[in-house]
Amino acid sequence: MDVLRIAAFSQGNQGGNPAGVVIEEHLPPADMMQVIAREVGFSETVFAMPEGNGWRVRYFAPEMEVPFCGHATIALGVALAMREGDGRFILHLNHDTISVDGRREGDLFAASLLSPATRNRAATDNETEQAMALFGYEKDDLAPDIPPALINAGADHIVLALRTREKLAAMNYDLTRGRVLMNRQGWTTILLIHAETPQRFHSRNPFASGGVYEDPATGASTAAFAAYLRDIGWPHDGRIEVIQGEDMGCPSQLWAKIGNERGGPIRVFGTARLMD
């Protein structure tokens, strides 16, 4: 079984988040997909097969299946463009139908996804305290203009906005403790974010629930966060840029286009590169 390796949301020919991509006429059994994802070892491997007017898609982290993964969707868009030519592809997920666009741009590829519908709610004091305690943060470390929240664009995340870039850079936590907390709470990832400007953010994204300490680029949480900014009236000016992976030596760059419809999907886009 061929596995393509594609780094999504790269900065040119460097960085990005590696994803495995498997395209077959029929999807393997779920337990086999789980084994393959564990052997590939990336934070996610995406599996796709032709179905109706599009493609049936499932995503697996090394330790579990996830309902939606942004960077693996971007990688799939690239793989489909290589196979089918530039275009838009309909993706049938476990619980949603979305689309991804892929096209070649010289030595690189560009891709964009339209996320599932979005929703969010304020985090409770207990949820906020548990998330802060995992990293040793105090309330004064949080930025008051972006309150902690549970955000969703196909998967659940909790977001903590930090006052300083230094606190973000110093992120540290225990993987086992994080896995227990995130699985108990149903959080796919924890999004830690710092606003450099109203339209430019730096982020880190622990993914302990899937057995991964940190992701260098996370399209699902970027979509959910962009929708949250829309819903709290943040001055996003229709678009945000998210820089991720810097602190782990894997610089990544994501953009999100933000419409006005509350609960509406978010378009997330970036470049991608084929890995050796």
C-alpha atoms as a PDB file:
ATOM      1  CA  MET A   1       0.000   0.000   0.000  1.00  0.00           C
ATOM      2  CA  ASP A   2       1.514   3.298  -1.130  1.00  0.00           C
ATOM      3  CA  VAL A   3       1.688   6.108   1.438  1.00  0.00           C
ATOM      4  CA  LEU A   4       2.390   9.618   0.166  1.00  0.00           C
ATOM      5  CA  ARG A   5       4.132  11.908   2.621  1.00  0.00           C
ATOM      6  CA  ILE A   6       3.185  15.557   2.264  1.00  0.00           C
ATOM      7  CA  ALA A   7       3.991  18.481   4.569  1.00  0.00           C
ATOM      8  CA  ALA A   8       0.974  20.806   4.719  1.00  0.00           C
ATOM      9  CA  PHE A   9       1.045  24.535   5.528  1.00  0.00           C
ATOM     10  CA  SER A  10       4.745  24.766   4.720  1.00  0.00           C
ATOM     11  CA  GLN A  11       6.720  27.981   4.531  1.00  0.00           C
ATOM     12  CA  GLY A  12       7.967  27.552   0.991  1.00  0.00           C
ATOM     13  CA  ASN A  13      10.228  24.501   0.821  1.00  0.00           C
ATOM     14  CA  GLN A  14      10.592  24.169   4.586  1.00  0.00           C
ATOM     15  CA  GLY A  15       8.445  23.304   7.559  1.00  0.00           C
ATOM     16  CA  GLY A  16       4.832  22.299   7.458  1.00  0.00           C
ATOM     17  CA  ASN A  17       3.074  19.450   9.218  1.00  0.00           C
ATOM     18  CA  PRO A  18       3.746  16.006   7.693  1.00  0.00           C
ATOM     19  CA  ALA A  19       0.736  13.849   6.884  1.00  0.00           C
ATOM     20  CA  GLY A  20       0.449  10.402   5.378  1.00  0.00           C
ATOM     21  CA  VAL A  21      -1.982  10.056   2.466  1.00  0.00           C
ATOM     22  CA  VAL A  22      -3.395   6.736   1.267  1.00  0.00           C
ATOM     23  CA  ILE A  23      -5.722   6.655  -1.770  1.00  0.00           C
ATOM     24  CA  GLU A  24      -7.196   3.258  -2.680  1.00  0.00           C
ATOM     25  CA  GLU A  25     -10.215   1.925  -4.536  1.00  0.00           C
ATOM     26  CA  HIS A  26     -11.533   0.604  -1.200  1.00  0.00           C
ATOM     27  CA  LEU A  27     -10.666   1.659   2.344  1.00  0.00           C
ATOM     28  CA  PRO A  28      -8.901  -0.945   4.478  1.00  0.00           C
ATOM     29  CA  PRO A  29     -10.631  -2.119   7.682  1.00  0.00           C
ATOM     30  CA  ALA A  30     -10.458   0.402  10.524  1.00  0.00           C
ATOM     31  CA  ASP A  31      -8.020  -1.672  12.566  1.00  0.00           C
ATOM     32  CA  MET A  32      -5.663  -1.863   9.583  1.00  0.00           C
ATOM     33  CA  MET A  33      -5.877   1.896   9.031  1.00  0.00           C
ATOM     34  CA  GLN A  34      -4.989   2.368  12.693  1.00  0.00           C
ATOM     35  CA  VAL A  35      -1.947   0.120  12.325  1.00  0.00           C
ATOM     36  CA  ILE A  36      -0.811   1.950   9.185  1.00  0.00           C
ATOM     37  CA  ALA A  37      -1.188   5.341  10.894  1.00  0.00           C
ATOM     38  CA  ARG A  38       0.879   4.113  13.832  1.00  0.00           C
ATOM     39  CA  GLU A  39       3.580   2.795  11.496  1.00  0.00           C
ATOM     40  CA  VAL A  40       3.674   6.022   9.464  1.00  0.00           C
ATOM     41  CA  GLY A  41       4.130   7.857  12.759  1.00  0.00           C
ATOM     42  CA  PHE A  42       2.837  11.277  11.720  1.00  0.00           C
ATOM     43  CA  SER A  43       0.203  13.065  13.776  1.00  0.00           C
ATOM     44  CA  GLU A  44      -2.368  11.992  11.159  1.00  0.00           C
ATOM     45  CA  THR A  45      -2.680   9.768   8.131  1.00  0.00           C
ATOM     46  CA  VAL A  46      -5.673  10.287   5.849  1.00  0.00           C
ATOM     47  CA  PHE A  47      -7.332   7.481   3.886  1.00  0.00           C
ATOM     48  CA  ALA A  48      -9.526   8.145   0.844  1.00  0.00           C
ATOM     49  CA  MET A  49     -11.463   6.146  -1.747  1.00  0.00           C
ATOM     50  CA  PRO A  50     -13.818   7.193  -4.582  1.00  0.00           C
ATOM     51  CA  GLU A  51     -17.461   7.459  -3.510  1.00  0.00           C
ATOM     52  CA  GLY A  52     -20.305   8.974  -5.498  1.00  0.00           C
ATOM     53  CA  ASN A  53     -19.449  12.492  -6.583  1.00  0.00           C
ATOM     54  CA  GLY A  54     -16.380  12.663  -4.373  1.00  0.00           C
ATOM     55  CA  TRP A  55     -14.196  10.768  -1.947  1.00  0.00           C
ATOM     56  CA  ARG A  56     -14.873   8.860   1.280  1.00  0.00           C
ATOM     57  CA  VAL A  57     -12.316  10.029   3.841  1.00  0.00           C
ATOM     58  CA  ARG A  58     -11.173   8.910   7.301  1.00  0.00           C
ATOM     59  CA  TYR A  59      -8.364  10.242   9.488  1.00  0.00           C
ATOM     60  CA  PHE A  60      -6.220   8.297  11.949  1.00  0.00           C
ATOM     61  CA  ALA A  61      -3.707   9.529  14.512  1.00  0.00           C
ATOM     62  CA  PRO A  62      -1.209   7.010  15.934  1.00  0.00           C
ATOM     63  CA  GLU A  63      -3.549   6.208  18.812  1.00  0.00           C
ATOM     64  CA  MET A  64      -7.087   6.901  17.545  1.00  0.00           C
ATOM     65  CA  GLU A  65      -9.392   7.918  14.720  1.00  0.00           C
ATOM     66  CA  VAL A  66     -10.208  11.633  14.602  1.00  0.00           C
ATOM     67  CA  PRO A  67     -13.333  13.150  13.022  1.00  0.00           C
ATOM     68  CA  PHE A  68     -11.525  15.852  11.040  1.00  0.00           C
ATOM     69  CA  CYS A  69      -7.929  16.915  10.456  1.00  0.00           C
ATOM     70  CA  GLY A  70      -7.089  20.120   8.628  1.00  0.00           C
ATOM     71  CA  HIS A  71      -3.464  19.556   7.640  1.00  0.00           C
ATOM     72  CA  ALA A  72      -4.183  16.019   6.407  1.00  0.00           C
ATOM     73  CA  THR A  73      -7.067  17.425   4.328  1.00  0.00           C
ATOM     74  CA  ILE A  74      -4.667  19.907   2.731  1.00  0.00           C
ATOM     75  CA  ALA A  75      -2.250  17.037   2.047  1.00  0.00           C
ATOM     76  CA  LEU A  76      -5.102  15.025   0.512  1.00  0.00           C
ATOM     77  CA  GLY A  77      -6.013  17.982  -1.702  1.00  0.00           C
ATOM     78  CA  VAL A  78      -2.445  17.985  -3.009  1.00  0.00           C
ATOM     79  CA  ALA A  79      -2.481  14.219  -3.586  1.00  0.00           C
ATOM     80  CA  LEU A  80      -5.786  14.411  -5.462  1.00  0.00           C
ATOM     81  CA  ALA A  81      -4.520  17.282  -7.608  1.00  0.00           C
ATOM     82  CA  MET A  82      -1.470  15.170  -8.493  1.00  0.00           C
ATOM     83  CA  ARG A  83      -3.742  12.258  -9.406  1.00  0.00           C
ATOM     84  CA  GLU A  84      -6.747  13.989 -10.971  1.00  0.00           C
ATOM     85  CA  GLY A  85      -5.410  17.405 -11.973  1.00  0.00           C
ATOM     86  CA  ASP A  86      -6.042  20.794 -10.357  1.00  0.00           C
ATOM     87  CA  GLY A  87      -9.553  21.185  -9.032  1.00  0.00           C
ATOM     88  CA  ARG A  88     -12.075  21.029  -6.205  1.00  0.00           C
ATOM     89  CA  PHE A  89     -12.796  17.702  -4.538  1.00  0.00           C
ATOM     90  CA  ILE A  90     -15.814  16.749  -2.426  1.00  0.00           C
ATOM     91  CA  LEU A  91     -14.905  14.830   0.742  1.00  0.00           C
ATOM     92  CA  HIS A  92     -17.390  12.689   2.653  1.00  0.00           C
ATOM     93  CA  LEU A  93     -16.230  12.454   6.273  1.00  0.00           C
ATOM     94  CA  ASN A  94     -17.732  10.346   9.050  1.00  0.00           C
ATOM     95  CA  HIS A  95     -20.140  13.127  10.044  1.00  0.00           C
ATOM     96  CA  ASP A  96     -19.755  15.911   7.467  1.00  0.00           C
ATOM     97  CA  THR A  97     -19.257  16.643   3.792  1.00  0.00           C
ATOM     98  CA  ILE A  98     -16.645  19.272   2.984  1.00  0.00           C
ATOM     99  CA  SER A  99     -14.421  20.231   0.056  1.00  0.00           C
ATOM    100  CA  VAL A 100     -10.741  20.772  -0.653  1.00  0.00           C
ATOM    101  CA  ASP A 101      -9.078  22.542  -3.566  1.00  0.00           C
ATOM    102  CA  GLY A 102      -5.617  21.566  -4.799  1.00  0.00           C
ATOM    103  CA  ARG A 103      -3.354  22.935  -7.502  1.00  0.00           C
ATOM    104  CA  ARG A 104       0.285  22.865  -8.511  1.00  0.00           C
ATOM    105  CA  GLU A 105       2.326  26.078  -8.169  1.00  0.00           C
ATOM    106  CA  GLY A 106       5.783  25.423  -9.593  1.00  0.00           C
ATOM    107  CA  ASP A 107       7.696  23.117  -7.250  1.00  0.00           C
ATOM    108  CA  LEU A 108       5.047  23.526  -4.564  1.00  0.00           C
ATOM    109  CA  PHE A 109       1.328  23.008  -4.258  1.00  0.00           C
ATOM    110  CA  ALA A 110      -1.405  25.266  -2.905  1.00  0.00           C
ATOM    111  CA  ALA A 111      -4.538  23.920  -1.270  1.00  0.00           C
ATOM    112  CA  SER A 112      -7.529  25.225   0.614  1.00  0.00           C
ATOM    113  CA  LEU A 113     -10.259  23.504   2.571  1.00  0.00           C
ATOM    114  CA  LEU A 114     -13.739  24.571   3.518  1.00  0.00           C
ATOM    115  CA  SER A 115     -14.276  23.359   7.064  1.00  0.00           C
ATOM    116  CA  PRO A 116     -17.349  21.747   8.549  1.00  0.00           C
ATOM    117  CA  ALA A 117     -19.856  24.027  10.269  1.00  0.00           C
ATOM    118  CA  THR A 118     -18.484  25.835  13.315  1.00  0.00           C
ATOM    119  CA  ARG A 119     -19.633  26.375  16.881  1.00  0.00           C
ATOM    120  CA  ASN A 120     -18.189  27.583  20.175  1.00  0.00           C
ATOM    121  CA  ARG A 121     -19.061  28.352  23.760  1.00  0.00           C
ATOM    122  CA  ALA A 122     -17.325  29.954  26.717  1.00  0.00           C
ATOM    123  CA  ALA A 123     -15.150  27.578  28.720  1.00  0.00           C
ATOM    124  CA  THR A 124     -16.271  27.014  32.293  1.00  0.00           C
ATOM    125  CA  ASP A 125     -14.021  28.054  35.150  1.00  0.00           C
ATOM    126  CA  ASN A 126     -13.298  24.383  35.836  1.00  0.00           C
ATOM    127  CA  GLU A 127     -12.350  23.676  32.211  1.00  0.00           C
ATOM    128  CA  THR A 128     -10.125  26.746  32.112  1.00  0.00           C
ATOM    129  CA  GLU A 129      -8.416  25.877  35.391  1.00  0.00           C
ATOM    130  CA  GLN A 130      -7.714  22.305  34.287  1.00  0.00           C
ATOM    131  CA  ALA A 131      -6.225  23.446  30.981  1.00  0.00           C
ATOM    132  CA  MET A 132      -4.090  26.142  32.635  1.00  0.00           C
ATOM    133  CA  ALA A 133      -2.870  23.736  35.317  1.00  0.00           C
ATOM    134  CA  LEU A 134      -1.553  21.326  32.673  1.00  0.00           C
ATOM    135  CA  PHE A 135       0.950  23.992  31.546  1.00  0.00           C
ATOM    136  CA  GLY A 136       1.445  25.769  34.861  1.00  0.00           C
ATOM    137  CA  TYR A 137      -0.261  28.943  33.648  1.00  0.00           C
ATOM    138  CA  GLU A 138      -1.869  31.483  35.967  1.00  0.00           C
ATOM    139  CA  LYS A 139      -4.900  33.660  35.220  1.00  0.00           C
ATOM    140  CA  ASP A 140      -2.645  36.687  34.700  1.00  0.00           C
ATOM    141  CA  ASP A 141      -0.995  34.813  31.822  1.00  0.00           C
ATOM    142  CA  LEU A 142      -4.227  34.889  29.815  1.00  0.00           C
ATOM    143  CA  ALA A 143      -5.162  37.657  27.378  1.00  0.00           C
ATOM    144  CA  PRO A 144      -8.495  39.119  28.572  1.00  0.00           C
ATOM    145  CA  ASP A 145      -9.758  40.123  25.121  1.00  0.00           C
ATOM    146  CA  ILE A 146      -9.915  36.499  23.865  1.00  0.00           C
ATOM    147  CA  PRO A 147     -11.594  34.533  26.674  1.00  0.00           C
ATOM    148  CA  PRO A 148     -11.046  30.756  27.014  1.00  0.00           C
ATOM    149  CA  ALA A 149     -13.554  28.833  24.928  1.00  0.00           C
ATOM    150  CA  LEU A 150     -14.526  25.443  23.566  1.00  0.00           C
ATOM    151  CA  ILE A 151     -14.323  25.747  19.777  1.00  0.00           C
ATOM    152  CA  ASN A 152     -15.282  23.338  17.018  1.00  0.00           C
ATOM    153  CA  ALA A 153     -14.917  23.143  13.222  1.00  0.00           C
ATOM    154  CA  GLY A 154     -15.280  19.389  12.906  1.00  0.00           C
ATOM    155  CA  ALA A 155     -13.373  18.525  16.103  1.00  0.00           C
ATOM    156  CA  ASP A 156     -13.402  19.866  19.676  1.00  0.00           C
ATOM    157  CA  HIS A 157     -10.603  22.099  20.988  1.00  0.00           C
ATOM    158  CA  ILE A 158     -10.146  24.381  23.979  1.00  0.00           C
ATOM    159  CA  VAL A 159      -8.363  27.659  23.282  1.00  0.00           C
ATOM    160  CA  LEU A 160      -6.246  29.637  25.740  1.00  0.00           C
ATOM    161  CA  ALA A 161      -5.006  33.022  24.497  1.00  0.00           C
ATOM    162  CA  LEU A 162      -1.760  34.150  26.158  1.00  0.00           C
ATOM    163  CA  ARG A 163      -0.648  37.703  26.891  1.00  0.00           C
ATOM    164  CA  THR A 164       2.973  37.224  25.818  1.00  0.00           C
ATOM    165  CA  ARG A 165       4.901  35.426  23.113  1.00  0.00           C
ATOM    166  CA  GLU A 166       7.383  34.358  25.800  1.00  0.00           C
ATOM    167  CA  LYS A 167       4.760  32.324  27.663  1.00  0.00           C
ATOM    168  CA  LEU A 168       3.827  30.598  24.425  1.00  0.00           C
ATOM    169  CA  ALA A 169       7.465  29.790  23.629  1.00  0.00           C
ATOM    170  CA  ALA A 170       7.975  28.323  27.099  1.00  0.00           C
ATOM    171  CA  MET A 171       5.097  25.828  26.774  1.00  0.00           C
ATOM    172  CA  ASN A 172       5.811  22.575  28.589  1.00  0.00           C
ATOM    173  CA  TYR A 173       3.578  19.789  29.866  1.00  0.00           C
ATOM    174  CA  ASP A 174       3.503  16.102  30.752  1.00  0.00           C
ATOM    175  CA  LEU A 175       2.276  14.028  27.784  1.00  0.00           C
ATOM    176  CA  THR A 176       0.642  11.307  29.878  1.00  0.00           C
ATOM    177  CA  ARG A 177      -1.169  13.811  32.066  1.00  0.00           C
ATOM    178  CA  GLY A 178      -2.236  15.735  28.981  1.00  0.00           C
ATOM    179  CA  ARG A 179      -3.574  12.584  27.322  1.00  0.00           C
ATOM    180  CA  VAL A 180      -5.683  11.720  30.358  1.00  0.00           C
ATOM    181  CA  LEU A 181      -7.081  15.254  30.627  1.00  0.00           C
ATOM    182  CA  MET A 182      -7.842  15.676  26.944  1.00  0.00           C
ATOM    183  CA  ASN A 183      -9.450  12.263  26.550  1.00  0.00           C
ATOM    184  CA  ARG A 184     -11.554  12.809  29.670  1.00  0.00           C
ATOM    185  CA  GLN A 185     -12.736  16.204  28.441  1.00  0.00           C
ATOM    186  CA  GLY A 186     -13.147  15.200  24.795  1.00  0.00           C
ATOM    187  CA  TRP A 187     -10.644  17.804  23.569  1.00  0.00           C
ATOM    188  CA  THR A 188      -8.913  16.765  20.351  1.00  0.00           C
ATOM    189  CA  THR A 189      -6.241  19.416  20.908  1.00  0.00           C
ATOM    190  CA  ILE A 190      -5.513  22.383  23.134  1.00  0.00           C
ATOM    191  CA  LEU A 191      -4.910  25.570  21.163  1.00  0.00           C
ATOM    192  CA  LEU A 192      -2.487  28.022  22.762  1.00  0.00           C
ATOM    193  CA  ILE A 193      -2.386  31.317  20.915  1.00  0.00           C
ATOM    194  CA  HIS A 194      -0.846  34.795  21.090  1.00  0.00           C
ATOM    195  CA  ALA A 195      -2.010  37.795  19.061  1.00  0.00           C
ATOM    196  CA  GLU A 196       0.913  39.696  17.525  1.00  0.00           C
ATOM    197  CA  THR A 197      -1.597  41.939  15.719  1.00  0.00           C
ATOM    198  CA  PRO A 198      -5.372  41.657  15.261  1.00  0.00           C
ATOM    199  CA  GLN A 199      -4.763  39.677  12.060  1.00  0.00           C
ATOM    200  CA  ARG A 200      -1.512  37.803  12.865  1.00  0.00           C
ATOM    201  CA  PHE A 201      -1.251  35.097  15.515  1.00  0.00           C
ATOM    202  CA  HIS A 202       1.348  32.669  16.854  1.00  0.00           C
ATOM    203  CA  SER A 203       0.100  29.299  18.038  1.00  0.00           C
ATOM    204  CA  ARG A 204       1.110  25.983  19.553  1.00  0.00           C
ATOM    205  CA  ASN A 205      -1.112  22.925  19.545  1.00  0.00           C
ATOM    206  CA  PRO A 206      -0.627  20.021  21.979  1.00  0.00           C
ATOM    207  CA  PHE A 207      -2.266  16.837  20.624  1.00  0.00           C
ATOM    208  CA  ALA A 208      -1.762  14.480  23.549  1.00  0.00           C
ATOM    209  CA  SER A 209      -5.132  12.831  22.930  1.00  0.00           C
ATOM    210  CA  GLY A 210      -3.670  11.325  19.753  1.00  0.00           C
ATOM    211  CA  GLY A 211      -0.323  10.466  21.340  1.00  0.00           C
ATOM    212  CA  VAL A 212       1.445  13.504  19.831  1.00  0.00           C
ATOM    213  CA  TYR A 213       3.176  16.082  22.028  1.00  0.00           C
ATOM    214  CA  GLU A 214       2.658  18.967  19.593  1.00  0.00           C
ATOM    215  CA  ASP A 215       1.528  19.608  16.020  1.00  0.00           C
ATOM    216  CA  PRO A 216       3.511  22.078  13.864  1.00  0.00           C
ATOM    217  CA  ALA A 217       0.398  23.114  11.890  1.00  0.00           C
ATOM    218  CA  THR A 218      -3.252  22.505  12.761  1.00  0.00           C
ATOM    219  CA  GLY A 219      -5.883  23.467  10.219  1.00  0.00           C
ATOM    220  CA  ALA A 220      -8.876  22.211  12.208  1.00  0.00           C
ATOM    221  CA  SER A 221      -8.139  24.367  15.245  1.00  0.00           C
ATOM    222  CA  THR A 222      -7.270  27.352  13.027  1.00  0.00           C
ATOM    223  CA  ALA A 223     -10.704  27.098  11.385  1.00  0.00           C
ATOM    224  CA  ALA A 224     -12.425  26.800  14.757  1.00  0.00           C
ATOM    225  CA  PHE A 225     -10.431  29.720  16.170  1.00  0.00           C
ATOM    226  CA  ALA A 226     -11.161  31.945  13.175  1.00  0.00           C
ATOM    227  CA  ALA A 227     -14.882  31.267  13.636  1.00  0.00           C
ATOM    228  CA  TYR A 228     -14.587  32.090  17.340  1.00  0.00           C
ATOM    229  CA  LEU A 229     -12.958  35.428  16.510  1.00  0.00           C
ATOM    230  CA  ARG A 230     -15.829  36.164  14.129  1.00  0.00           C
ATOM    231  CA  ASP A 231     -18.411  35.356  16.775  1.00  0.00           C
ATOM    232  CA  ILE A 232     -16.861  37.525  19.515  1.00  0.00           C
ATOM    233  CA  GLY A 233     -16.560  40.510  17.191  1.00  0.00           C
ATOM    234  CA  TRP A 234     -12.757  40.480  16.910  1.00  0.00           C
ATOM    235  CA  PRO A 235     -11.377  42.980  14.334  1.00  0.00           C
ATOM    236  CA  HIS A 236     -10.129  40.251  11.987  1.00  0.00           C
ATOM    237  CA  ASP A 237     -10.777  42.260   8.792  1.00  0.00           C
ATOM    238  CA  GLY A 238     -11.933  39.128   7.004  1.00  0.00           C
ATOM    239  CA  ARG A 239      -8.725  37.134   7.258  1.00  0.00           C
ATOM    240  CA  ILE A 240      -6.102  35.979   9.744  1.00  0.00           C
ATOM    241  CA  GLU A 241      -2.623  34.501   9.475  1.00  0.00           C
ATOM    242  CA  VAL A 242      -1.415  31.885  11.971  1.00  0.00           C
ATOM    243  CA  ILE A 243       2.282  31.112  12.440  1.00  0.00           C
ATOM    244  CA  GLN A 244       2.844  27.739  14.081  1.00  0.00           C
ATOM    245  CA  GLY A 245       5.723  25.306  14.574  1.00  0.00           C
ATOM    246  CA  GLU A 246       8.396  27.971  15.118  1.00  0.00           C
ATOM    247  CA  ASP A 247       9.217  26.783  18.622  1.00  0.00           C
ATOM    248  CA  MET A 248       9.697  23.191  17.492  1.00  0.00           C
ATOM    249  CA  GLY A 249      11.928  24.074  14.527  1.00  0.00           C
ATOM    250  CA  CYS A 250       9.250  23.351  11.923  1.00  0.00           C
ATOM    251  CA  PRO A 251       7.878  26.731  10.769  1.00  0.00           C
ATOM    252  CA  SER A 252       4.382  26.605   9.316  1.00  0.00           C
ATOM    253  CA  GLN A 253       1.997  29.216   7.963  1.00  0.00           C
ATOM    254  CA  LEU A 254      -1.796  29.034   7.782  1.00  0.00           C
ATOM    255  CA  TRP A 255      -4.373  31.527   6.564  1.00  0.00           C
ATOM    256  CA  ALA A 256      -8.093  31.598   7.275  1.00  0.00           C
ATOM    257  CA  LYS A 257     -10.734  33.550   5.394  1.00  0.00           C
ATOM    258  CA  ILE A 258     -13.599  34.614   7.645  1.00  0.00           C
ATOM    259  CA  GLY A 259     -17.140  35.260   6.443  1.00  0.00           C
ATOM    260  CA  ASN A 260     -20.012  36.850   8.341  1.00  0.00           C
ATOM    261  CA  GLU A 261     -22.335  33.870   8.860  1.00  0.00           C
ATOM    262  CA  ARG A 262     -22.394  32.735  12.479  1.00  0.00           C
ATOM    263  CA  GLY A 263     -21.867  28.989  12.534  1.00  0.00           C
ATOM    264  CA  GLY A 264     -20.708  29.026   8.938  1.00  0.00           C
ATOM    265  CA  PRO A 265     -17.610  27.183   7.702  1.00  0.00           C
ATOM    266  CA  ILE A 266     -14.164  28.720   7.426  1.00  0.00           C
ATOM    267  CA  ARG A 267     -11.806  28.482   4.467  1.00  0.00           C
ATOM    268  CA  VAL A 268      -8.257  27.607   5.543  1.00  0.00           C
ATOM    269  CA  PHE A 269      -5.447  27.673   3.008  1.00  0.00           C
ATOM    270  CA  GLY A 270      -1.712  27.398   2.571  1.00  0.00           C
ATOM    271  CA  THR A 271       1.077  25.796   0.589  1.00  0.00           C
ATOM    272  CA  ALA A 272       2.387  22.231   0.809  1.00  0.00           C
ATOM    273  CA  ARG A 273       5.492  20.348  -0.240  1.00  0.00           C
ATOM    274  CA  LEU A 274       6.214  16.745  -1.115  1.00  0.00           C
ATOM    275  CA  MET A 275       8.557  15.041   1.314  1.00  0.00           C
ATOM    276  CA  ASP A 276      11.503  12.840   0.282  1.00  0.00           C
END
